[in-house]
C-alpha atoms as a PDB file:
ATOM      1  CA  MET A   1      52.246   3.341 -37.289  1.00  0.00           C
ATOM      2  CA  ASN A   2      51.222  -0.302 -37.549  1.00  0.00           C
ATOM      3  CA  ILE A   3      49.439  -0.756 -40.884  1.00  0.00           C
ATOM      4  CA  ARG A   4      47.257  -3.689 -41.872  1.00  0.00           C
ATOM      5  CA  LEU A   5      47.280  -4.211 -45.631  1.00  0.00           C
ATOM      6  CA  ASP A   6      45.164  -6.857 -47.364  1.00  0.00           C
ATOM      7  CA  ILE A   7      46.276  -7.997 -50.801  1.00  0.00           C
ATOM      8  CA  ALA A   8      45.256 -10.427 -53.533  1.00  0.00           C
ATOM      9  CA  TYR A   9      47.879 -12.109 -55.671  1.00  0.00           C
ATOM     10  CA  ASP A  10      48.444 -14.462 -58.551  1.00  0.00           C
ATOM     11  CA  GLY A  11      51.168 -16.754 -57.256  1.00  0.00           C
ATOM     12  CA  SER A  12      52.039 -18.482 -60.517  1.00  0.00           C
ATOM     13  CA  SER A  13      55.219 -16.424 -60.971  1.00  0.00           C
ATOM     14  CA  PHE A  14      56.280 -16.516 -57.292  1.00  0.00           C
ATOM     15  CA  PHE A  15      57.955 -19.093 -55.058  1.00  0.00           C
ATOM     16  CA  GLY A  16      55.355 -18.544 -52.357  1.00  0.00           C
ATOM     17  CA  TRP A  17      54.780 -15.695 -49.919  1.00  0.00           C
ATOM     18  CA  GLN A  18      57.969 -15.866 -47.889  1.00  0.00           C
ATOM     19  CA  ARG A  19      61.104 -13.976 -48.890  1.00  0.00           C
ATOM     20  CA  GLN A  20      63.744 -16.309 -50.378  1.00  0.00           C
ATOM     21  CA  LYS A  21      67.293 -15.885 -51.562  1.00  0.00           C
ATOM     22  CA  ASP A  22      67.541 -15.512 -55.352  1.00  0.00           C
ATOM     23  CA  LYS A  23      63.895 -16.478 -55.913  1.00  0.00           C
ATOM     24  CA  PRO A  24      60.915 -14.137 -56.475  1.00  0.00           C
ATOM     25  CA  SER A  25      58.397 -14.029 -53.612  1.00  0.00           C
ATOM     26  CA  VAL A  26      55.294 -12.010 -52.837  1.00  0.00           C
ATOM     27  CA  GLN A  27      56.826 -10.691 -49.616  1.00  0.00           C
ATOM     28  CA  ALA A  28      59.951  -9.402 -51.359  1.00  0.00           C
ATOM     29  CA  ALA A  29      57.926  -7.687 -54.102  1.00  0.00           C
ATOM     30  CA  LEU A  30      55.638  -6.029 -51.559  1.00  0.00           C
ATOM     31  CA  GLU A  31      58.505  -4.875 -49.332  1.00  0.00           C
ATOM     32  CA  GLU A  32      60.356  -3.411 -52.305  1.00  0.00           C
ATOM     33  CA  ALA A  33      57.264  -1.504 -53.447  1.00  0.00           C
ATOM     34  CA  LEU A  34      56.449  -0.154 -49.976  1.00  0.00           C
ATOM     35  CA  SER A  35      60.073   0.846 -49.319  1.00  0.00           C
ATOM     36  CA  GLN A  36      60.206   2.737 -52.603  1.00  0.00           C
ATOM     37  CA  LEU A  37      56.880   4.465 -51.998  1.00  0.00           C
ATOM     38  CA  LEU A  38      57.474   5.439 -48.362  1.00  0.00           C
ATOM     39  CA  GLY A  39      61.204   6.156 -48.558  1.00  0.00           C
ATOM     40  CA  GLU A  40      62.148   3.860 -45.688  1.00  0.00           C
ATOM     41  CA  ASN A  41      63.144   0.247 -45.199  1.00  0.00           C
ATOM     42  CA  ILE A  42      59.858  -1.657 -44.803  1.00  0.00           C
ATOM     43  CA  ARG A  43      59.583  -5.226 -43.549  1.00  0.00           C
ATOM     44  CA  VAL A  44      56.213  -6.924 -43.915  1.00  0.00           C
ATOM     45  CA  SER A  45      54.712  -9.780 -41.872  1.00  0.00           C
ATOM     46  CA  GLY A  46      52.231 -12.125 -43.536  1.00  0.00           C
ATOM     47  CA  SER A  47      49.379 -14.258 -42.220  1.00  0.00           C
ATOM     48  CA  GLY A  48      51.165 -17.490 -43.123  1.00  0.00           C
ATOM     49  CA  ARG A  49      53.362 -19.261 -45.622  1.00  0.00           C
ATOM     50  CA  THR A  50      51.903 -20.179 -48.990  1.00  0.00           C
ATOM     51  CA  ASP A  51      53.318 -22.738 -51.401  1.00  0.00           C
ATOM     52  CA  ALA A  52      55.148 -21.820 -54.597  1.00  0.00           C
ATOM     53  CA  GLY A  53      52.509 -21.285 -57.267  1.00  0.00           C
ATOM     54  CA  ALA A  54      49.605 -20.879 -54.815  1.00  0.00           C
ATOM     55  CA  HIS A  55      47.344 -17.812 -54.937  1.00  0.00           C
ATOM     56  CA  ALA A  56      45.417 -15.553 -52.544  1.00  0.00           C
ATOM     57  CA  PHE A  57      42.006 -13.900 -52.626  1.00  0.00           C
ATOM     58  CA  CYS A  58      42.593 -11.843 -49.475  1.00  0.00           C
ATOM     59  CA  TYR A  59      45.949 -12.211 -47.756  1.00  0.00           C
ATOM     60  CA  THR A  60      46.513 -10.075 -44.657  1.00  0.00           C
ATOM     61  CA  THR A  61      49.847  -8.425 -43.954  1.00  0.00           C
ATOM     62  CA  ASN A  62      51.079  -5.773 -41.541  1.00  0.00           C
ATOM     63  CA  PHE A  63      54.085  -3.471 -41.376  1.00  0.00           C
ATOM     64  CA  HIS A  64      55.429  -0.628 -39.259  1.00  0.00           C
ATOM     65  CA  CYS A  65      56.356   2.760 -40.694  1.00  0.00           C
ATOM     66  CA  GLY A  66      56.617   6.447 -39.870  1.00  0.00           C
ATOM     67  CA  LYS A  67      53.715   8.801 -40.457  1.00  0.00           C
ATOM     68  CA  LEU A  68      52.191   8.374 -43.893  1.00  0.00           C
ATOM     69  CA  PRO A  69      52.184  11.387 -46.262  1.00  0.00           C
ATOM     70  CA  PHE A  70      48.554  10.597 -47.171  1.00  0.00           C
ATOM     71  CA  PRO A  71      45.479   9.057 -45.491  1.00  0.00           C
ATOM     72  CA  VAL A  72      46.015   5.345 -44.843  1.00  0.00           C
ATOM     73  CA  GLU A  73      42.827   4.474 -46.755  1.00  0.00           C
ATOM     74  CA  VAL A  74      44.466   5.812 -49.916  1.00  0.00           C
ATOM     75  CA  LEU A  75      47.498   3.515 -49.615  1.00  0.00           C
ATOM     76  CA  PRO A  76      46.130   0.696 -51.869  1.00  0.00           C
ATOM     77  CA  ARG A  77      45.504   3.086 -54.773  1.00  0.00           C
ATOM     78  CA  VAL A  78      48.894   4.789 -54.429  1.00  0.00           C
ATOM     79  CA  LEU A  79      50.783   1.507 -53.953  1.00  0.00           C
ATOM     80  CA  LEU A  80      49.226  -0.207 -56.964  1.00  0.00           C
ATOM     81  CA  SER A  81      51.521   1.471 -59.501  1.00  0.00           C
ATOM     82  CA  TYR A  82      54.629   0.302 -57.579  1.00  0.00           C
ATOM     83  CA  LEU A  83      53.632  -3.363 -57.652  1.00  0.00           C
ATOM     84  CA  PRO A  84      53.730  -5.980 -60.387  1.00  0.00           C
ATOM     85  CA  SER A  85      50.320  -6.640 -61.954  1.00  0.00           C
ATOM     86  CA  SER A  86      50.178 -10.017 -60.180  1.00  0.00           C
ATOM     87  CA  ILE A  87      49.769  -8.287 -56.775  1.00  0.00           C
ATOM     88  CA  VAL A  88      46.775  -6.035 -56.034  1.00  0.00           C
ATOM     89  CA  PRO A  89      46.381  -4.174 -52.700  1.00  0.00           C
ATOM     90  CA  LEU A  90      42.754  -4.339 -51.550  1.00  0.00           C
ATOM     91  CA  ARG A  91      42.452  -2.196 -48.394  1.00  0.00           C
ATOM     92  CA  ALA A  92      44.555  -0.681 -45.623  1.00  0.00           C
ATOM     93  CA  MET A  93      44.013   0.696 -42.150  1.00  0.00           C
ATOM     94  CA  GLU A  94      46.016   1.611 -39.061  1.00  0.00           C
ATOM     95  CA  VAL A  95      45.739  -1.054 -36.345  1.00  0.00           C
ATOM     96  CA  GLU A  96      46.776  -1.392 -32.742  1.00  0.00           C
ATOM     97  CA  GLU A  97      50.467  -1.948 -32.026  1.00  0.00           C
ATOM     98  CA  ARG A  98      49.917  -5.549 -30.843  1.00  0.00           C
ATOM     99  CA  PHE A  99      48.316  -6.659 -34.115  1.00  0.00           C
ATOM    100  CA  HIS A 100      50.433  -9.156 -36.082  1.00  0.00           C
ATOM    101  CA  ALA A 101      49.194 -10.673 -39.321  1.00  0.00           C
ATOM    102  CA  ARG A 102      50.481 -14.140 -38.406  1.00  0.00           C
ATOM    103  CA  PHE A 103      50.436 -14.411 -34.626  1.00  0.00           C
ATOM    104  CA  SER A 104      47.095 -12.614 -34.146  1.00  0.00           C
ATOM    105  CA  ALA A 105      45.312 -14.962 -36.550  1.00  0.00           C
ATOM    106  CA  MET A 106      42.892 -17.358 -34.873  1.00  0.00           C
ATOM    107  CA  ALA A 107      42.077 -19.319 -38.033  1.00  0.00           C
ATOM    108  CA  ARG A 108      42.785 -19.431 -41.743  1.00  0.00           C
ATOM    109  CA  GLU A 109      40.629 -20.508 -44.653  1.00  0.00           C
ATOM    110  CA  TYR A 110      41.764 -21.954 -47.972  1.00  0.00           C
ATOM    111  CA  VAL A 111      40.058 -22.921 -51.212  1.00  0.00           C
ATOM    112  CA  TYR A 112      41.184 -25.631 -53.607  1.00  0.00           C
ATOM    113  CA  VAL A 113      39.866 -25.652 -57.185  1.00  0.00           C
ATOM    114  CA  VAL A 114      39.543 -28.784 -59.353  1.00  0.00           C
ATOM    115  CA  TRP A 115      38.565 -28.786 -63.032  1.00  0.00           C
ATOM    116  CA  LYS A 116      36.703 -31.969 -64.045  1.00  0.00           C
ATOM    117  CA  GLY A 117      36.409 -31.344 -67.782  1.00  0.00           C
ATOM    118  CA  LYS A 118      37.620 -33.845 -70.361  1.00  0.00           C
ATOM    119  CA  THR A 119      40.150 -31.286 -71.624  1.00  0.00           C
ATOM    120  CA  LEU A 120      42.275 -28.839 -69.661  1.00  0.00           C
ATOM    121  CA  LEU A 121      42.051 -25.458 -71.321  1.00  0.00           C
ATOM    122  CA  PRO A 122      45.529 -23.877 -71.592  1.00  0.00           C
ATOM    123  CA  PHE A 123      44.676 -20.732 -69.654  1.00  0.00           C
ATOM    124  CA  PHE A 124      43.572 -22.856 -66.648  1.00  0.00           C
ATOM    125  CA  ARG A 125      46.928 -24.600 -66.223  1.00  0.00           C
ATOM    126  CA  SER A 126      48.298 -22.303 -63.516  1.00  0.00           C
ATOM    127  CA  TYR A 127      45.025 -21.930 -61.594  1.00  0.00           C
ATOM    128  CA  VAL A 128      43.343 -25.345 -61.231  1.00  0.00           C
ATOM    129  CA  TYR A 129      44.055 -29.028 -60.769  1.00  0.00           C
ATOM    130  CA  TRP A 130      42.788 -31.134 -63.644  1.00  0.00           C
ATOM    131  CA  MET A 131      41.114 -34.405 -62.653  1.00  0.00           C
ATOM    132  CA  PRO A 132      38.928 -35.899 -65.415  1.00  0.00           C
ATOM    133  CA  GLU A 133      38.346 -39.185 -63.529  1.00  0.00           C
ATOM    134  CA  ALA A 134      34.839 -39.801 -62.197  1.00  0.00           C
ATOM    135  CA  TYR A 135      34.377 -39.883 -58.428  1.00  0.00           C
ATOM    136  CA  GLU A 136      31.627 -40.898 -56.042  1.00  0.00           C
ATOM    137  CA  ARG A 137      30.200 -38.026 -54.024  1.00  0.00           C
ATOM    138  CA  GLN A 138      29.304 -40.138 -50.986  1.00  0.00           C
ATOM    139  CA  ARG A 139      32.859 -41.460 -50.637  1.00  0.00           C
ATOM    140  CA  LEU A 140      34.208 -37.929 -50.966  1.00  0.00           C
ATOM    141  CA  GLU A 141      31.865 -36.616 -48.268  1.00  0.00           C
ATOM    142  CA  GLU A 142      32.813 -39.462 -45.945  1.00  0.00           C
ATOM    143  CA  VAL A 143      36.557 -38.910 -46.149  1.00  0.00           C
ATOM    144  CA  CYS A 144      36.258 -35.111 -45.824  1.00  0.00           C
ATOM    145  CA  SER A 145      34.311 -35.550 -42.595  1.00  0.00           C
ATOM    146  CA  LEU A 146      37.162 -37.606 -41.094  1.00  0.00           C
ATOM    147  CA  PHE A 147      39.459 -34.577 -41.000  1.00  0.00           C
ATOM    148  CA  VAL A 148      37.084 -32.301 -39.060  1.00  0.00           C
ATOM    149  CA  GLY A 149      38.061 -31.757 -35.430  1.00  0.00           C
ATOM    150  CA  GLU A 150      41.422 -31.931 -33.661  1.00  0.00           C
ATOM    151  CA  HIS A 151      43.856 -34.511 -35.021  1.00  0.00           C
ATOM    152  CA  ASN A 152      47.540 -35.263 -35.311  1.00  0.00           C
ATOM    153  CA  PHE A 153      48.341 -34.622 -38.998  1.00  0.00           C
ATOM    154  CA  ARG A 154      51.952 -35.828 -38.949  1.00  0.00           C
ATOM    155  CA  LEU A 155      51.238 -38.312 -41.755  1.00  0.00           C
ATOM    156  CA  PHE A 156      49.467 -35.670 -43.874  1.00  0.00           C
ATOM    157  CA  CYS A 157      52.263 -33.154 -44.365  1.00  0.00           C
ATOM    158  CA  TYR A 158      55.861 -33.119 -45.575  1.00  0.00           C
ATOM    159  CA  GLY A 159      59.134 -31.224 -45.620  1.00  0.00           C
ATOM    160  CA  TYR A 160      60.065 -31.154 -41.920  1.00  0.00           C
ATOM    161  CA  GLY A 161      62.999 -33.572 -41.818  1.00  0.00           C
ATOM    162  CA  ARG A 162      65.200 -32.934 -38.776  1.00  0.00           C
ATOM    163  CA  GLU A 163      62.689 -30.404 -37.435  1.00  0.00           C
ATOM    164  CA  GLU A 164      60.060 -33.100 -36.886  1.00  0.00           C
ATOM    165  CA  LYS A 165      60.851 -33.698 -33.198  1.00  0.00           C
ATOM    166  CA  GLU A 166      60.214 -30.022 -32.441  1.00  0.00           C
ATOM    167  CA  VAL A 167      56.946 -29.700 -34.382  1.00  0.00           C
ATOM    168  CA  ASN A 168      53.472 -29.947 -32.905  1.00  0.00           C
ATOM    169  CA  PHE A 169      51.489 -31.770 -35.581  1.00  0.00           C
ATOM    170  CA  CYS A 170      48.097 -31.322 -33.910  1.00  0.00           C
ATOM    171  CA  ARG A 171      45.685 -29.013 -35.694  1.00  0.00           C
ATOM    172  CA  THR A 172      41.958 -28.330 -35.445  1.00  0.00           C
ATOM    173  CA  ILE A 173      39.883 -28.322 -38.637  1.00  0.00           C
ATOM    174  CA  GLU A 174      36.585 -26.443 -38.331  1.00  0.00           C
ATOM    175  CA  TYR A 175      35.276 -27.610 -41.691  1.00  0.00           C
ATOM    176  CA  PHE A 176      36.476 -29.456 -44.775  1.00  0.00           C
ATOM    177  CA  ARG A 177      33.763 -29.538 -47.417  1.00  0.00           C
ATOM    178  CA  PHE A 178      33.272 -29.216 -51.144  1.00  0.00           C
ATOM    179  CA  MET A 179      30.900 -27.772 -53.714  1.00  0.00           C
ATOM    180  CA  GLU A 180      30.148 -29.039 -57.237  1.00  0.00           C
ATOM    181  CA  LYS A 181      29.071 -26.856 -60.161  1.00  0.00           C
ATOM    182  CA  ASP A 182      29.157 -28.101 -63.759  1.00  0.00           C
ATOM    183  CA  GLN A 183      32.808 -29.043 -64.390  1.00  0.00           C
ATOM    184  CA  TRP A 184      34.047 -27.444 -61.180  1.00  0.00           C
ATOM    185  CA  LEU A 185      34.809 -29.122 -57.858  1.00  0.00           C
ATOM    186  CA  VAL A 186      35.831 -26.665 -55.133  1.00  0.00           C
ATOM    187  CA  PHE A 187      37.067 -27.575 -51.637  1.00  0.00           C
ATOM    188  CA  PHE A 188      36.768 -25.223 -48.643  1.00  0.00           C
ATOM    189  CA  ILE A 189      38.891 -25.821 -45.556  1.00  0.00           C
ATOM    190  CA  LYS A 190      39.152 -23.726 -42.403  1.00  0.00           C
ATOM    191  CA  GLY A 191      41.365 -24.481 -39.419  1.00  0.00           C
ATOM    192  CA  ASN A 192      43.427 -22.943 -36.650  1.00  0.00           C
ATOM    193  CA  GLY A 193      46.608 -23.621 -38.595  1.00  0.00           C
ATOM    194  CA  PHE A 194      48.111 -25.805 -41.298  1.00  0.00           C
ATOM    195  CA  LEU A 195      51.342 -27.743 -41.704  1.00  0.00           C
ATOM    196  CA  ARG A 196      53.566 -27.709 -44.772  1.00  0.00           C
ATOM    197  CA  GLY A 197      51.797 -29.417 -47.649  1.00  0.00           C
ATOM    198  CA  MET A 198      48.883 -30.370 -45.403  1.00  0.00           C
ATOM    199  CA  ILE A 199      45.999 -28.942 -47.408  1.00  0.00           C
ATOM    200  CA  ARG A 200      47.284 -30.251 -50.724  1.00  0.00           C
ATOM    201  CA  THR A 201      47.822 -33.689 -49.187  1.00  0.00           C
ATOM    202  CA  LEU A 202      44.348 -33.773 -47.620  1.00  0.00           C
ATOM    203  CA  VAL A 203      42.757 -32.847 -50.946  1.00  0.00           C
ATOM    204  CA  GLY A 204      44.880 -35.376 -52.825  1.00  0.00           C
ATOM    205  CA  VAL A 205      44.017 -38.190 -50.408  1.00  0.00           C
ATOM    206  CA  SER A 206      40.319 -37.250 -50.491  1.00  0.00           C
ATOM    207  CA  LEU A 207      40.267 -37.412 -54.285  1.00  0.00           C
ATOM    208  CA  GLN A 208      41.914 -40.839 -54.212  1.00  0.00           C
ATOM    209  CA  VAL A 209      39.092 -42.041 -51.953  1.00  0.00           C
ATOM    210  CA  GLY A 210      36.525 -40.370 -54.192  1.00  0.00           C
ATOM    211  CA  ILE A 211      37.705 -42.179 -57.329  1.00  0.00           C
ATOM    212  CA  GLY A 212      37.967 -45.479 -55.458  1.00  0.00           C
ATOM    213  CA  THR A 213      41.724 -46.113 -55.456  1.00  0.00           C
ATOM    214  CA  LEU A 214      41.990 -45.646 -51.674  1.00  0.00           C
ATOM    215  CA  ALA A 215      39.707 -46.885 -48.897  1.00  0.00           C
ATOM    216  CA  CYS A 216      38.350 -44.512 -46.289  1.00  0.00           C
ATOM    217  CA  GLY A 217      39.497 -46.948 -43.585  1.00  0.00           C
ATOM    218  CA  GLU A 218      43.114 -46.526 -44.684  1.00  0.00           C
ATOM    219  CA  VAL A 219      42.799 -42.766 -44.265  1.00  0.00           C
ATOM    220  CA  PHE A 220      41.264 -43.237 -40.799  1.00  0.00           C
ATOM    221  CA  ARG A 221      44.153 -45.498 -39.708  1.00  0.00           C
ATOM    222  CA  ALA A 222      46.701 -42.946 -40.941  1.00  0.00           C
ATOM    223  CA  LEU A 223      44.888 -40.199 -39.058  1.00  0.00           C
ATOM    224  CA  GLN A 224      45.128 -42.333 -35.918  1.00  0.00           C
ATOM    225  CA  GLY A 225      48.831 -42.814 -36.538  1.00  0.00           C
ATOM    226  CA  GLU A 226      48.444 -46.570 -36.934  1.00  0.00           C
ATOM    227  CA  LYS A 227      49.569 -47.065 -40.548  1.00  0.00           C
ATOM    228  CA  ASP A 228      50.710 -44.626 -43.217  1.00  0.00           C
ATOM    229  CA  ILE A 229      48.991 -44.415 -46.598  1.00  0.00           C
ATOM    230  CA  PRO A 230      51.175 -46.051 -49.277  1.00  0.00           C
ATOM    231  CA  GLN A 231      52.746 -43.955 -52.003  1.00  0.00           C
ATOM    232  CA  PRO A 232      51.789 -42.818 -54.601  1.00  0.00           C
ATOM    233  CA  LEU A 233      48.227 -42.762 -53.203  1.00  0.00           C
ATOM    234  CA  LYS A 234      49.331 -40.150 -50.653  1.00  0.00           C
ATOM    235  CA  LYS A 235      50.325 -37.575 -53.220  1.00  0.00           C
ATOM    236  CA  ALA A 236      49.801 -33.846 -52.766  1.00  0.00           C
ATOM    237  CA  VAL A 237      47.822 -32.156 -55.518  1.00  0.00           C
ATOM    238  CA  PRO A 238      49.592 -29.278 -57.354  1.00  0.00           C
ATOM    239  CA  ALA A 239      49.781 -25.827 -55.787  1.00  0.00           C
ATOM    240  CA  ALA A 240      48.172 -24.276 -58.868  1.00  0.00           C
ATOM    241  CA  GLY A 241      44.678 -24.980 -57.532  1.00  0.00           C
ATOM    242  CA  LEU A 242      45.331 -23.654 -54.012  1.00  0.00           C
ATOM    243  CA  TYR A 243      44.021 -20.248 -52.876  1.00  0.00           C
ATOM    244  CA  PHE A 244      44.439 -18.524 -49.514  1.00  0.00           C
ATOM    245  CA  LYS A 245      40.948 -17.157 -48.887  1.00  0.00           C
ATOM    246  CA  ARG A 246      41.361 -15.187 -45.655  1.00  0.00           C
ATOM    247  CA  ALA A 247      42.617 -15.109 -42.056  1.00  0.00           C
ATOM    248  CA  TYR A 248      40.344 -14.619 -39.033  1.00  0.00           C
ATOM    249  CA  TYR A 249      41.292 -12.381 -36.106  1.00  0.00           C
ATOM    250  CA  SER A 250      40.043 -12.000 -32.542  1.00  0.00           C
ATOM    251  CA  VAL A 251      39.909  -8.221 -32.879  1.00  0.00           C
ATOM    252  CA  SER A 252      37.590  -7.415 -35.780  1.00  0.00           C
ATOM    253  CA  HIS A 253      38.432  -4.447 -37.968  1.00  0.00           C
ATOM    254  CA  LYS A 254      36.005  -2.249 -39.825  1.00  0.00           C
ATOM    255  CA  PHE A 255      36.514  -3.904 -43.221  1.00  0.00           C
ATOM    256  CA  ASP A 256      36.379  -7.543 -42.062  1.00  0.00           C
ATOM    257  CA  GLU A 257      32.696  -7.631 -42.944  1.00  0.00           C
ATOM    258  CA  LYS A 258      33.564  -6.449 -46.443  1.00  0.00           C
ATOM    259  CA  ILE A 259      35.860  -9.445 -46.827  1.00  0.00           C
ATOM    260  CA  GLU A 260      32.955 -11.738 -46.002  1.00  0.00           C
ATOM    261  CA  ASN A 261      30.752  -9.982 -48.536  1.00  0.00           C
ATOM    262  CA  GLY A 262      33.384  -9.683 -51.256  1.00  0.00           C
ATOM    263  CA  GLY A 263      33.552  -5.910 -50.903  1.00  0.00           C
ATOM    264  CA  GLY A 264      36.325  -3.720 -52.240  1.00  0.00           C
ATOM    265  CA  GLU A 265      38.585  -0.984 -50.996  1.00  0.00           C
ATOM    266  CA  GLU A 266      37.457   1.343 -48.228  1.00  0.00           C
ATOM    267  CA  ASP A 267      36.896   4.913 -49.472  1.00  0.00           C
END
């Protein structure tokens, strides 16, 4: 059986999604729980890497196993007691053999949360980025619009080193927009794929333009590959405010509409 399992997780105690040696990860915790529950060695594929400390509202995974001893729809409820409280299974279903959480994804959507209050409340520290500086909305809208479309984002990511010659840095951004509500500033970004540190760098650069320490023209030249943005103005915002919202697939499954509407587990 090929099982699609959607989960939500608090990433503040993990070093990202991907399994790592001697460091806690969401993938390792999920594989351990599934292996214990099903009595076989389970390996799980995820819809993409997430940074250490980043979170997920609805992160899609898939795994192969023998026949389940219970209906697949019940899996989230049964699995819950095997997982740490920071990981919650949302829904599960059997999918076609060719489905792969990562390679079948056509697009991914992320959310980045900024707290604008004069004081950072202690229980927000692991879940938002604190920016009390005032910004200009028009400048922020202008720079966000620059990133929409297909571009080479080589100067807006990091961590590739020797791999750089083998990496395709072109990505297509469907939208990069934001919403303001009281002391909250929330960014929404959807694209066909993202490079390491790309979203956090785009948000960081956009905020620098918004508060007036960086010109929109400098961002445009970097996007064209003409001139890089000087440090420390090109600084990635912390992972604490980053949330994986969802992945989009070409073959729609019966609970994809529930994801859009914020629905819960299938009964």
